[in-house]
Amino acid sequence: MKKFLMGITLLLTMGTMALAAPVPADDPVGQKVQAYFDDTFAKLKLAADAQPNYLTFREAMKPVIAGVPGIFGGSFIDENWVIRQVLFPSHFLARGFDLKGVKELHLFQKLLKESPGPQLSEPAHGSMVQPRLIAMRYPVMKDGKVAGLVSMMVRTPFFLKAVGLDKAKAYQIICSGKEAEAFGVLGTNYKEVKLTLPSTEWVIRYVI
């Protein structure tokens, strides 16, 4: 149980989404990554704009998960960073978990207070109890204040397929200067795209 809860917690950790600069037209992976997150966060925004609470969260998320392949789960997190509801009943053990004590989240809790916005995780490595995942969150705003967050987790292989990295001979995803995901040997002749986000940065290097 403890490992499951910590796994859910660590997947809710990194970044906010909003690409700062256009990706070069000759970078197919970068273009697809930008389009993927633009589209996915637009869907997640629909749920947040419905201003759900823990009782209405699952209903609000139905159109979101219908349009995003590879959904693993999600949660409604209240304004105090406590998980109040989960997307799928099988993840019920995560309900009631307090995220404030998780040091990996402290920066993002601070950022949410200062400038509420969508948040994006780095690809998590996975474990014995859950697969490799990317987590995304979107704040629920009421009267100009954060009333909670809607979040969802996507299996990393579905993301890789959507942006074309599943066909790569080699790739590397670097988040805030640290390698988060890699496959194969890049060598020296690779493409590179830098995606600048409000609270993190992704650098993707790849060889197709």
N, C-alpha and C. Protein backbone atom coordinates (compact mmCIF):
# COMPACT_ATOMS: atom_id res chain seq x y z
N MET A 1 0.83 -1.20 0.00
CA MET A 1 0.00 0.00 0.00
C MET A 1 0.87 1.26 0.00
N LYS A 2 1.89 1.28 0.86
CA LYS A 2 2.75 2.46 0.95
C LYS A 2 3.45 2.72 -0.38
N LYS A 3 3.96 1.64 -1.02
CA LYS A 3 4.65 1.81 -2.30
C LYS A 3 3.71 2.35 -3.36
N PHE A 4 2.46 1.86 -3.34
CA PHE A 4 1.48 2.34 -4.33
C PHE A 4 1.22 3.82 -4.15
N LEU A 5 0.99 4.22 -2.89
CA LEU A 5 0.69 5.63 -2.63
C LEU A 5 1.86 6.52 -3.00
N MET A 6 3.07 6.11 -2.68
CA MET A 6 4.23 6.93 -3.01
C MET A 6 4.43 6.99 -4.52
N GLY A 7 4.09 5.86 -5.20
CA GLY A 7 4.20 5.88 -6.65
C GLY A 7 3.25 6.88 -7.27
N ILE A 8 2.01 6.89 -6.78
CA ILE A 8 1.03 7.87 -7.26
C ILE A 8 1.53 9.27 -6.98
N THR A 9 2.09 9.48 -5.78
CA THR A 9 2.58 10.80 -5.40
C THR A 9 3.70 11.28 -6.31
N LEU A 10 4.69 10.42 -6.54
CA LEU A 10 5.86 10.86 -7.30
C LEU A 10 5.52 11.13 -8.76
N LEU A 11 4.43 10.56 -9.22
CA LEU A 11 4.03 10.81 -10.59
C LEU A 11 3.38 12.16 -10.77
N LEU A 12 3.07 12.82 -9.66
CA LEU A 12 2.40 14.12 -9.74
C LEU A 12 3.38 15.25 -9.53
N THR A 13 4.61 15.11 -10.10
CA THR A 13 5.65 16.02 -9.62
C THR A 13 6.15 17.12 -10.51
N MET A 14 6.18 17.13 -11.76
CA MET A 14 7.04 18.12 -12.39
C MET A 14 6.30 19.07 -13.32
N GLY A 15 6.72 20.27 -13.35
CA GLY A 15 6.49 21.15 -14.45
C GLY A 15 5.14 21.79 -14.65
N THR A 16 5.09 22.88 -15.40
CA THR A 16 3.87 23.42 -15.92
C THR A 16 3.99 23.60 -17.40
N MET A 17 2.87 23.49 -18.08
CA MET A 17 2.89 23.41 -19.52
C MET A 17 2.59 24.76 -20.16
N ALA A 18 3.35 25.10 -21.20
CA ALA A 18 3.10 26.25 -22.07
C ALA A 18 4.38 26.48 -22.84
N LEU A 19 4.42 26.02 -24.06
CA LEU A 19 5.63 26.11 -24.84
C LEU A 19 5.93 27.57 -25.15
N ALA A 20 7.18 27.99 -24.90
CA ALA A 20 7.53 29.40 -24.99
C ALA A 20 7.95 29.83 -26.38
N ALA A 21 8.46 28.92 -27.19
CA ALA A 21 8.96 29.29 -28.51
C ALA A 21 8.49 28.27 -29.53
N PRO A 22 8.26 28.68 -30.78
CA PRO A 22 7.82 27.73 -31.80
C PRO A 22 8.90 26.70 -32.11
N VAL A 23 8.47 25.49 -32.38
CA VAL A 23 9.40 24.42 -32.73
C VAL A 23 9.70 24.52 -34.22
N PRO A 24 10.96 24.32 -34.64
CA PRO A 24 11.30 24.41 -36.06
C PRO A 24 10.43 23.48 -36.91
N ALA A 25 10.07 23.94 -38.09
CA ALA A 25 9.20 23.18 -38.97
C ALA A 25 9.84 21.88 -39.44
N ASP A 26 11.18 21.82 -39.46
CA ASP A 26 11.87 20.62 -39.92
C ASP A 26 12.14 19.63 -38.79
N ASP A 27 11.51 19.84 -37.64
CA ASP A 27 11.66 18.93 -36.50
C ASP A 27 10.34 18.21 -36.27
N PRO A 28 10.14 17.06 -36.89
CA PRO A 28 8.85 16.37 -36.79
C PRO A 28 8.49 15.95 -35.37
N VAL A 29 9.47 15.50 -34.61
CA VAL A 29 9.18 15.08 -33.23
C VAL A 29 8.79 16.29 -32.39
N GLY A 30 9.56 17.37 -32.48
CA GLY A 30 9.23 18.57 -31.72
C GLY A 30 7.85 19.09 -32.04
N GLN A 31 7.49 19.10 -33.33
CA GLN A 31 6.17 19.55 -33.75
C GLN A 31 5.08 18.68 -33.13
N LYS A 32 5.30 17.38 -33.13
CA LYS A 32 4.30 16.45 -32.60
C LYS A 32 4.20 16.55 -31.07
N VAL A 33 5.34 16.78 -30.41
CA VAL A 33 5.30 16.95 -28.95
C VAL A 33 4.49 18.19 -28.60
N GLN A 34 4.74 19.28 -29.31
CA GLN A 34 3.98 20.50 -29.04
C GLN A 34 2.50 20.29 -29.27
N ALA A 35 2.15 19.64 -30.39
CA ALA A 35 0.75 19.39 -30.71
C ALA A 35 0.11 18.46 -29.68
N TYR A 36 0.89 17.46 -29.22
CA TYR A 36 0.36 16.51 -28.24
C TYR A 36 -0.05 17.21 -26.95
N PHE A 37 0.84 18.04 -26.41
CA PHE A 37 0.52 18.70 -25.14
C PHE A 37 -0.50 19.82 -25.31
N ASP A 38 -0.46 20.52 -26.44
CA ASP A 38 -1.50 21.51 -26.70
C ASP A 38 -2.88 20.86 -26.68
N ASP A 39 -3.00 19.73 -27.37
CA ASP A 39 -4.27 19.05 -27.48
C ASP A 39 -4.70 18.42 -26.15
N THR A 40 -3.76 17.77 -25.48
CA THR A 40 -4.09 17.07 -24.23
C THR A 40 -4.49 18.06 -23.14
N PHE A 41 -3.77 19.15 -23.03
CA PHE A 41 -4.12 20.14 -22.01
C PHE A 41 -5.41 20.88 -22.35
N ALA A 42 -5.71 21.01 -23.64
CA ALA A 42 -6.99 21.60 -24.02
C ALA A 42 -8.14 20.72 -23.53
N LYS A 43 -7.96 19.41 -23.63
CA LYS A 43 -8.97 18.47 -23.13
C LYS A 43 -9.07 18.53 -21.61
N LEU A 44 -7.90 18.58 -20.95
CA LEU A 44 -7.91 18.62 -19.49
C LEU A 44 -8.53 19.93 -18.99
N LYS A 45 -8.35 20.99 -19.75
CA LYS A 45 -8.95 22.28 -19.39
C LYS A 45 -10.47 22.20 -19.36
N LEU A 46 -11.04 21.39 -20.25
CA LEU A 46 -12.50 21.22 -20.26
C LEU A 46 -12.99 20.71 -18.91
N ALA A 47 -12.26 19.77 -18.35
CA ALA A 47 -12.64 19.23 -17.05
C ALA A 47 -12.48 20.27 -15.96
N ALA A 48 -11.37 21.01 -15.99
CA ALA A 48 -11.14 22.04 -14.97
C ALA A 48 -12.17 23.15 -15.06
N ASP A 49 -12.54 23.54 -16.28
CA ASP A 49 -13.51 24.63 -16.47
C ASP A 49 -14.90 24.25 -15.97
N ALA A 50 -15.16 22.95 -15.85
CA ALA A 50 -16.44 22.50 -15.30
C ALA A 50 -16.50 22.69 -13.78
N GLN A 51 -15.37 23.12 -13.20
CA GLN A 51 -15.25 23.36 -11.75
C GLN A 51 -15.76 22.17 -10.92
N PRO A 52 -15.18 20.99 -11.19
CA PRO A 52 -15.63 19.81 -10.44
C PRO A 52 -15.14 19.81 -9.00
N ASN A 53 -15.80 19.02 -8.19
CA ASN A 53 -15.30 18.70 -6.86
C ASN A 53 -15.08 17.19 -6.82
N TYR A 54 -14.82 16.64 -5.65
CA TYR A 54 -14.51 15.22 -5.59
C TYR A 54 -15.71 14.35 -5.98
N LEU A 55 -16.92 14.90 -5.88
CA LEU A 55 -18.11 14.15 -6.25
C LEU A 55 -18.36 14.14 -7.76
N THR A 56 -17.99 15.20 -8.44
CA THR A 56 -18.28 15.33 -9.87
C THR A 56 -17.05 15.14 -10.75
N PHE A 57 -15.92 14.87 -10.16
CA PHE A 57 -14.66 14.75 -10.90
C PHE A 57 -14.73 13.70 -12.00
N ARG A 58 -15.20 12.52 -11.70
CA ARG A 58 -15.20 11.45 -12.70
C ARG A 58 -16.08 11.79 -13.89
N GLU A 59 -17.22 12.40 -13.64
CA GLU A 59 -18.11 12.79 -14.73
C GLU A 59 -17.44 13.86 -15.60
N ALA A 60 -16.77 14.81 -14.97
CA ALA A 60 -16.10 15.88 -15.72
C ALA A 60 -14.96 15.34 -16.57
N MET A 61 -14.37 14.25 -16.16
CA MET A 61 -13.22 13.70 -16.87
C MET A 61 -13.58 12.78 -18.03
N LYS A 62 -14.85 12.42 -18.16
CA LYS A 62 -15.25 11.48 -19.21
C LYS A 62 -14.84 11.94 -20.61
N PRO A 63 -15.11 13.20 -21.01
CA PRO A 63 -14.69 13.62 -22.36
C PRO A 63 -13.17 13.72 -22.51
N VAL A 64 -12.47 13.88 -21.42
CA VAL A 64 -11.00 13.96 -21.46
C VAL A 64 -10.41 12.60 -21.78
N ILE A 65 -10.76 11.60 -21.01
CA ILE A 65 -10.15 10.28 -21.18
C ILE A 65 -10.62 9.61 -22.47
N ALA A 66 -11.78 10.05 -22.99
CA ALA A 66 -12.26 9.49 -24.26
C ALA A 66 -11.37 9.93 -25.42
N GLY A 67 -10.66 11.05 -25.27
CA GLY A 67 -9.87 11.57 -26.36
C GLY A 67 -8.38 11.41 -26.21
N VAL A 68 -7.92 10.73 -25.16
CA VAL A 68 -6.48 10.57 -24.93
C VAL A 68 -6.16 9.08 -24.74
N PRO A 69 -5.47 8.46 -25.69
CA PRO A 69 -5.11 7.04 -25.54
C PRO A 69 -4.11 6.83 -24.40
N GLY A 70 -4.18 5.66 -23.78
CA GLY A 70 -3.18 5.27 -22.79
C GLY A 70 -3.39 5.81 -21.40
N ILE A 71 -4.61 6.23 -21.07
CA ILE A 71 -4.87 6.74 -19.72
C ILE A 71 -4.66 5.63 -18.69
N PHE A 72 -3.84 5.91 -17.69
CA PHE A 72 -3.61 4.96 -16.59
C PHE A 72 -4.50 5.29 -15.40
N GLY A 73 -4.72 6.58 -15.13
CA GLY A 73 -5.52 6.98 -13.98
C GLY A 73 -5.51 8.49 -13.85
N GLY A 74 -6.02 8.95 -12.75
CA GLY A 74 -6.06 10.38 -12.48
C GLY A 74 -6.64 10.62 -11.10
N SER A 75 -6.68 11.89 -10.70
CA SER A 75 -7.20 12.20 -9.37
C SER A 75 -7.68 13.64 -9.30
N PHE A 76 -8.57 13.87 -8.34
CA PHE A 76 -8.95 15.23 -7.97
C PHE A 76 -8.21 15.56 -6.69
N ILE A 77 -7.40 16.62 -6.74
CA ILE A 77 -6.58 17.06 -5.61
C ILE A 77 -7.17 18.36 -5.09
N ASP A 78 -7.44 18.44 -3.79
CA ASP A 78 -8.08 19.66 -3.28
C ASP A 78 -7.05 20.78 -3.12
N GLU A 79 -7.54 21.95 -2.68
CA GLU A 79 -6.66 23.13 -2.58
C GLU A 79 -5.56 22.96 -1.55
N ASN A 80 -5.68 21.96 -0.69
CA ASN A 80 -4.64 21.68 0.31
C ASN A 80 -3.73 20.53 -0.12
N TRP A 81 -3.79 20.15 -1.38
CA TRP A 81 -2.95 19.10 -1.95
C TRP A 81 -3.21 17.73 -1.31
N VAL A 82 -4.47 17.46 -1.07
CA VAL A 82 -4.89 16.13 -0.60
C VAL A 82 -5.70 15.48 -1.71
N ILE A 83 -5.39 14.23 -2.04
CA ILE A 83 -6.15 13.50 -3.06
C ILE A 83 -7.51 13.14 -2.50
N ARG A 84 -8.57 13.67 -3.11
CA ARG A 84 -9.94 13.45 -2.62
C ARG A 84 -10.70 12.42 -3.43
N GLN A 85 -10.32 12.27 -4.70
CA GLN A 85 -11.01 11.29 -5.55
C GLN A 85 -10.03 10.77 -6.59
N VAL A 86 -10.28 9.56 -7.04
CA VAL A 86 -9.46 8.96 -8.09
C VAL A 86 -10.33 8.69 -9.30
N LEU A 87 -9.69 8.67 -10.46
CA LEU A 87 -10.43 8.48 -11.70
C LEU A 87 -11.01 7.08 -11.80
N PHE A 88 -10.22 6.09 -11.45
CA PHE A 88 -10.67 4.70 -11.54
C PHE A 88 -10.79 4.10 -10.13
N PRO A 89 -11.90 3.43 -9.83
CA PRO A 89 -12.13 2.88 -8.48
C PRO A 89 -11.01 1.98 -7.97
N SER A 90 -10.29 1.31 -8.89
CA SER A 90 -9.23 0.39 -8.47
C SER A 90 -8.07 1.11 -7.77
N HIS A 91 -7.99 2.43 -7.92
CA HIS A 91 -6.93 3.21 -7.28
C HIS A 91 -7.41 3.85 -5.97
N PHE A 92 -8.41 3.27 -5.35
CA PHE A 92 -9.04 3.87 -4.17
C PHE A 92 -8.08 4.11 -3.01
N LEU A 93 -6.99 3.36 -2.95
CA LEU A 93 -6.05 3.51 -1.83
C LEU A 93 -5.39 4.89 -1.81
N ALA A 94 -5.39 5.56 -2.95
CA ALA A 94 -4.75 6.89 -3.01
C ALA A 94 -5.63 7.98 -2.40
N ARG A 95 -6.92 7.72 -2.24
CA ARG A 95 -7.82 8.74 -1.67
C ARG A 95 -7.39 9.08 -0.26
N GLY A 96 -7.33 10.36 0.03
CA GLY A 96 -6.97 10.82 1.37
C GLY A 96 -5.48 11.04 1.56
N PHE A 97 -4.67 10.74 0.53
CA PHE A 97 -3.22 10.90 0.68
C PHE A 97 -2.85 12.38 0.61
N ASP A 98 -2.10 12.84 1.59
CA ASP A 98 -1.69 14.24 1.69
C ASP A 98 -0.35 14.42 0.96
N LEU A 99 -0.37 15.25 -0.09
CA LEU A 99 0.82 15.45 -0.91
C LEU A 99 1.73 16.56 -0.39
N LYS A 100 1.30 17.29 0.63
CA LYS A 100 2.09 18.43 1.12
C LYS A 100 3.43 17.99 1.69
N GLY A 101 3.52 16.79 2.20
CA GLY A 101 4.76 16.33 2.80
C GLY A 101 5.75 15.76 1.81
N VAL A 102 5.41 15.75 0.55
CA VAL A 102 6.29 15.19 -0.48
C VAL A 102 7.20 16.29 -1.00
N LYS A 103 8.49 16.18 -0.74
CA LYS A 103 9.41 17.28 -1.06
C LYS A 103 9.49 17.56 -2.55
N GLU A 104 9.29 16.50 -3.38
CA GLU A 104 9.34 16.70 -4.82
C GLU A 104 8.23 17.62 -5.32
N LEU A 105 7.21 17.81 -4.51
CA LEU A 105 6.08 18.65 -4.91
C LEU A 105 6.16 20.07 -4.35
N HIS A 106 7.07 20.35 -3.45
CA HIS A 106 7.08 21.65 -2.78
C HIS A 106 7.21 22.81 -3.77
N LEU A 107 8.09 22.69 -4.75
CA LEU A 107 8.25 23.76 -5.73
C LEU A 107 6.95 24.01 -6.49
N PHE A 108 6.26 22.96 -6.84
CA PHE A 108 5.07 23.09 -7.66
C PHE A 108 3.87 23.58 -6.86
N GLN A 109 3.86 23.28 -5.57
CA GLN A 109 2.86 23.86 -4.69
C GLN A 109 3.07 25.37 -4.59
N LYS A 110 4.33 25.77 -4.50
CA LYS A 110 4.67 27.19 -4.43
C LYS A 110 4.29 27.90 -5.74
N LEU A 111 4.62 27.27 -6.86
CA LEU A 111 4.30 27.86 -8.16
C LEU A 111 2.80 27.99 -8.37
N LEU A 112 2.06 27.03 -7.87
CA LEU A 112 0.61 27.08 -8.03
C LEU A 112 0.01 28.25 -7.28
N LYS A 113 0.59 28.57 -6.11
CA LYS A 113 0.11 29.72 -5.36
C LYS A 113 0.47 31.03 -6.06
N GLU A 114 1.67 31.09 -6.62
CA GLU A 114 2.16 32.33 -7.22
C GLU A 114 1.55 32.60 -8.59
N SER A 115 1.40 31.55 -9.38
CA SER A 115 0.90 31.72 -10.75
C SER A 115 0.22 30.43 -11.20
N PRO A 116 -1.05 30.25 -10.85
CA PRO A 116 -1.75 29.01 -11.19
C PRO A 116 -1.72 28.72 -12.68
N GLY A 117 -1.40 27.49 -13.03
CA GLY A 117 -1.37 27.10 -14.43
C GLY A 117 -1.27 25.60 -14.55
N PRO A 118 -1.41 25.08 -15.77
CA PRO A 118 -1.30 23.63 -15.98
C PRO A 118 0.10 23.14 -15.66
N GLN A 119 0.20 21.89 -15.22
CA GLN A 119 1.47 21.32 -14.80
C GLN A 119 1.73 20.00 -15.52
N LEU A 120 2.99 19.79 -15.86
CA LEU A 120 3.41 18.62 -16.62
C LEU A 120 4.57 17.92 -15.94
N SER A 121 4.49 16.60 -15.82
CA SER A 121 5.57 15.85 -15.19
C SER A 121 6.62 15.44 -16.21
N GLU A 122 7.77 15.06 -15.70
CA GLU A 122 8.73 14.35 -16.54
C GLU A 122 8.28 12.90 -16.65
N PRO A 123 8.72 12.16 -17.68
CA PRO A 123 8.38 10.74 -17.74
C PRO A 123 8.95 10.00 -16.53
N ALA A 124 8.10 9.31 -15.80
CA ALA A 124 8.55 8.54 -14.63
C ALA A 124 9.00 7.15 -15.07
N HIS A 125 9.97 6.61 -14.35
CA HIS A 125 10.60 5.36 -14.78
C HIS A 125 9.71 4.13 -14.58
N GLY A 126 8.70 4.22 -13.74
CA GLY A 126 7.87 3.06 -13.46
C GLY A 126 8.46 2.18 -12.38
N SER A 127 7.71 1.14 -12.02
CA SER A 127 8.15 0.26 -10.94
C SER A 127 7.44 -1.08 -11.09
N MET A 128 7.60 -1.92 -10.08
CA MET A 128 6.95 -3.22 -10.08
C MET A 128 5.43 -3.10 -10.03
N VAL A 129 4.92 -2.01 -9.46
CA VAL A 129 3.48 -1.90 -9.26
C VAL A 129 2.79 -1.00 -10.28
N GLN A 130 3.54 -0.24 -11.07
CA GLN A 130 2.90 0.59 -12.08
C GLN A 130 3.85 0.90 -13.23
N PRO A 131 3.29 1.18 -14.40
CA PRO A 131 4.11 1.37 -15.60
C PRO A 131 4.76 2.74 -15.67
N ARG A 132 5.56 2.96 -16.72
CA ARG A 132 6.12 4.28 -16.97
C ARG A 132 4.98 5.22 -17.33
N LEU A 133 5.00 6.41 -16.71
CA LEU A 133 3.88 7.32 -16.85
C LEU A 133 4.32 8.77 -16.98
N ILE A 134 3.46 9.58 -17.60
CA ILE A 134 3.58 11.02 -17.60
C ILE A 134 2.32 11.58 -16.95
N ALA A 135 2.47 12.49 -15.99
CA ALA A 135 1.32 13.05 -15.29
C ALA A 135 1.10 14.50 -15.67
N MET A 136 -0.16 14.88 -15.78
CA MET A 136 -0.55 16.25 -16.11
C MET A 136 -1.63 16.72 -15.14
N ARG A 137 -1.57 18.01 -14.78
CA ARG A 137 -2.56 18.57 -13.87
C ARG A 137 -3.05 19.92 -14.40
N TYR A 138 -4.26 20.29 -14.02
CA TYR A 138 -4.82 21.58 -14.42
C TYR A 138 -5.60 22.15 -13.24
N PRO A 139 -5.37 23.41 -12.88
CA PRO A 139 -6.05 23.97 -11.70
C PRO A 139 -7.53 24.25 -11.97
N VAL A 140 -8.32 24.01 -10.95
CA VAL A 140 -9.74 24.38 -10.95
C VAL A 140 -9.84 25.73 -10.24
N MET A 141 -10.30 26.74 -10.94
CA MET A 141 -10.36 28.10 -10.40
C MET A 141 -11.80 28.49 -10.04
N LYS A 142 -11.96 29.07 -8.86
CA LYS A 142 -13.25 29.61 -8.43
C LYS A 142 -13.01 30.96 -7.77
N ASP A 143 -13.68 31.98 -8.28
CA ASP A 143 -13.53 33.34 -7.74
C ASP A 143 -12.07 33.78 -7.71
N GLY A 144 -11.33 33.39 -8.75
CA GLY A 144 -9.93 33.79 -8.86
C GLY A 144 -8.96 33.04 -7.98
N LYS A 145 -9.43 32.00 -7.30
CA LYS A 145 -8.58 31.22 -6.41
C LYS A 145 -8.57 29.75 -6.84
N VAL A 146 -7.48 29.06 -6.49
CA VAL A 146 -7.38 27.63 -6.80
C VAL A 146 -8.27 26.85 -5.85
N ALA A 147 -9.23 26.12 -6.42
CA ALA A 147 -10.15 25.31 -5.61
C ALA A 147 -9.78 23.83 -5.65
N GLY A 148 -8.76 23.50 -6.43
CA GLY A 148 -8.32 22.12 -6.56
C GLY A 148 -7.60 21.92 -7.87
N LEU A 149 -7.25 20.68 -8.16
CA LEU A 149 -6.61 20.34 -9.43
C LEU A 149 -7.21 19.05 -9.97
N VAL A 150 -7.37 19.01 -11.28
CA VAL A 150 -7.70 17.75 -11.93
C VAL A 150 -6.41 17.21 -12.54
N SER A 151 -6.19 15.93 -12.41
CA SER A 151 -4.95 15.36 -12.92
C SER A 151 -5.23 14.05 -13.65
N MET A 152 -4.33 13.72 -14.55
CA MET A 152 -4.42 12.42 -15.21
C MET A 152 -3.01 11.93 -15.53
N MET A 153 -2.89 10.62 -15.66
CA MET A 153 -1.61 9.99 -15.96
C MET A 153 -1.75 9.16 -17.23
N VAL A 154 -0.80 9.33 -18.14
CA VAL A 154 -0.78 8.63 -19.42
C VAL A 154 0.42 7.70 -19.46
N ARG A 155 0.22 6.49 -19.93
CA ARG A 155 1.34 5.56 -20.08
C ARG A 155 2.34 6.11 -21.10
N THR A 156 3.60 6.15 -20.71
CA THR A 156 4.63 6.74 -21.55
C THR A 156 4.70 6.13 -22.95
N PRO A 157 4.57 4.80 -23.14
CA PRO A 157 4.64 4.26 -24.50
C PRO A 157 3.60 4.86 -25.44
N PHE A 158 2.43 5.25 -24.93
CA PHE A 158 1.41 5.86 -25.78
C PHE A 158 1.84 7.27 -26.20
N PHE A 159 2.49 7.98 -25.29
CA PHE A 159 3.04 9.30 -25.64
C PHE A 159 4.12 9.16 -26.70
N LEU A 160 5.03 8.21 -26.51
CA LEU A 160 6.12 8.01 -27.46
C LEU A 160 5.58 7.69 -28.85
N LYS A 161 4.53 6.88 -28.91
CA LYS A 161 3.92 6.54 -30.19
C LYS A 161 3.28 7.77 -30.84
N ALA A 162 2.61 8.59 -30.03
CA ALA A 162 1.91 9.76 -30.55
C ALA A 162 2.87 10.77 -31.17
N VAL A 163 4.10 10.85 -30.65
CA VAL A 163 5.05 11.86 -31.16
C VAL A 163 6.11 11.27 -32.09
N GLY A 164 6.04 9.97 -32.33
CA GLY A 164 6.96 9.35 -33.27
C GLY A 164 8.24 8.80 -32.69
N LEU A 165 8.43 8.91 -31.38
CA LEU A 165 9.66 8.40 -30.77
C LEU A 165 9.66 6.88 -30.65
N ASP A 166 8.51 6.26 -30.82
CA ASP A 166 8.47 4.79 -30.78
C ASP A 166 9.18 4.18 -31.98
N LYS A 167 9.34 4.98 -33.04
CA LYS A 167 10.00 4.50 -34.25
C LYS A 167 11.49 4.89 -34.28
N ALA A 168 11.93 5.62 -33.28
CA ALA A 168 13.30 6.12 -33.28
C ALA A 168 14.31 4.99 -33.04
N LYS A 169 15.46 5.11 -33.67
CA LYS A 169 16.55 4.18 -33.41
C LYS A 169 17.14 4.44 -32.02
N ALA A 170 17.09 5.71 -31.63
CA ALA A 170 17.56 6.10 -30.30
C ALA A 170 16.92 7.44 -29.94
N TYR A 171 16.70 7.66 -28.64
CA TYR A 171 16.20 8.96 -28.19
C TYR A 171 16.59 9.17 -26.74
N GLN A 172 16.53 10.42 -26.33
CA GLN A 172 16.80 10.81 -24.94
C GLN A 172 15.90 12.00 -24.61
N ILE A 173 15.20 11.93 -23.48
CA ILE A 173 14.40 13.05 -22.99
C ILE A 173 15.06 13.54 -21.70
N ILE A 174 15.49 14.80 -21.72
CA ILE A 174 16.16 15.40 -20.57
C ILE A 174 15.21 16.43 -19.97
N CYS A 175 14.94 16.32 -18.67
CA CYS A 175 14.04 17.24 -17.98
C CYS A 175 14.81 18.02 -16.92
N SER A 176 14.82 19.34 -17.08
CA SER A 176 15.54 20.21 -16.14
C SER A 176 16.98 19.76 -15.92
N GLY A 177 17.63 19.36 -17.01
CA GLY A 177 19.03 18.99 -16.96
C GLY A 177 19.33 17.56 -16.58
N LYS A 178 18.28 16.76 -16.32
CA LYS A 178 18.49 15.37 -15.91
C LYS A 178 17.79 14.43 -16.88
N GLU A 179 18.46 13.35 -17.22
CA GLU A 179 17.85 12.36 -18.12
C GLU A 179 16.66 11.69 -17.45
N ALA A 180 15.52 11.69 -18.15
CA ALA A 180 14.31 11.08 -17.61
C ALA A 180 13.91 9.83 -18.38
N GLU A 181 14.25 9.77 -19.65
CA GLU A 181 13.85 8.64 -20.50
C GLU A 181 14.87 8.52 -21.62
N ALA A 182 15.28 7.30 -21.93
CA ALA A 182 16.26 7.11 -23.00
C ALA A 182 16.13 5.72 -23.60
N PHE A 183 16.54 5.63 -24.87
CA PHE A 183 16.51 4.35 -25.57
C PHE A 183 17.60 4.37 -26.63
N GLY A 184 18.36 3.29 -26.75
CA GLY A 184 19.36 3.17 -27.80
C GLY A 184 20.57 4.05 -27.58
N VAL A 185 21.42 4.11 -28.62
CA VAL A 185 22.65 4.90 -28.58
C VAL A 185 22.52 6.05 -29.57
N LEU A 186 22.59 7.28 -29.11
CA LEU A 186 22.39 8.44 -29.96
C LEU A 186 23.55 8.70 -30.92
N GLY A 187 24.77 8.49 -30.47
CA GLY A 187 25.92 8.87 -31.26
C GLY A 187 26.04 10.39 -31.32
N THR A 188 26.56 10.92 -32.42
CA THR A 188 26.76 12.36 -32.53
C THR A 188 25.85 13.03 -33.56
N ASN A 189 25.23 12.26 -34.44
CA ASN A 189 24.40 12.82 -35.51
C ASN A 189 22.92 12.66 -35.15
N TYR A 190 22.45 13.53 -34.25
CA TYR A 190 21.05 13.44 -33.80
C TYR A 190 20.37 14.80 -33.91
N LYS A 191 19.03 14.78 -33.97
CA LYS A 191 18.26 16.01 -33.90
C LYS A 191 18.01 16.35 -32.45
N GLU A 192 17.83 17.63 -32.17
CA GLU A 192 17.55 18.07 -30.80
C GLU A 192 16.49 19.16 -30.82
N VAL A 193 15.52 19.05 -29.94
CA VAL A 193 14.50 20.08 -29.77
C VAL A 193 14.42 20.45 -28.29
N LYS A 194 14.35 21.74 -28.02
CA LYS A 194 14.25 22.23 -26.64
C LYS A 194 12.86 22.83 -26.43
N LEU A 195 12.16 22.32 -25.44
CA LEU A 195 10.82 22.79 -25.11
C LEU A 195 10.88 23.47 -23.75
N THR A 196 10.68 24.77 -23.71
CA THR A 196 10.77 25.51 -22.46
C THR A 196 9.38 25.64 -21.85
N LEU A 197 9.26 25.21 -20.59
CA LEU A 197 8.00 25.21 -19.86
C LEU A 197 8.14 26.14 -18.66
N PRO A 198 7.04 26.63 -18.10
CA PRO A 198 7.15 27.59 -16.99
C PRO A 198 7.99 27.12 -15.81
N SER A 199 8.01 25.83 -15.52
CA SER A 199 8.76 25.39 -14.34
C SER A 199 9.75 24.27 -14.64
N THR A 200 9.92 23.94 -15.90
CA THR A 200 10.90 22.92 -16.26
C THR A 200 11.23 23.08 -17.73
N GLU A 201 12.16 22.29 -18.19
CA GLU A 201 12.56 22.33 -19.60
C GLU A 201 12.78 20.92 -20.08
N TRP A 202 12.24 20.62 -21.25
CA TRP A 202 12.50 19.34 -21.88
C TRP A 202 13.46 19.54 -23.04
N VAL A 203 14.46 18.71 -23.14
CA VAL A 203 15.32 18.61 -24.32
C VAL A 203 15.16 17.20 -24.85
N ILE A 204 14.75 17.08 -26.11
CA ILE A 204 14.58 15.78 -26.73
C ILE A 204 15.62 15.62 -27.84
N ARG A 205 16.42 14.58 -27.74
CA ARG A 205 17.41 14.24 -28.76
C ARG A 205 16.99 12.90 -29.35
N TYR A 206 17.08 12.79 -30.68
CA TYR A 206 16.61 11.55 -31.28
C TYR A 206 17.24 11.30 -32.64
N VAL A 207 17.25 10.02 -33.02
CA VAL A 207 17.68 9.58 -34.34
C VAL A 207 16.58 8.65 -34.87
N ILE A 208 16.00 9.01 -35.99
CA ILE A 208 14.95 8.18 -36.58
C ILE A 208 15.57 7.14 -37.52
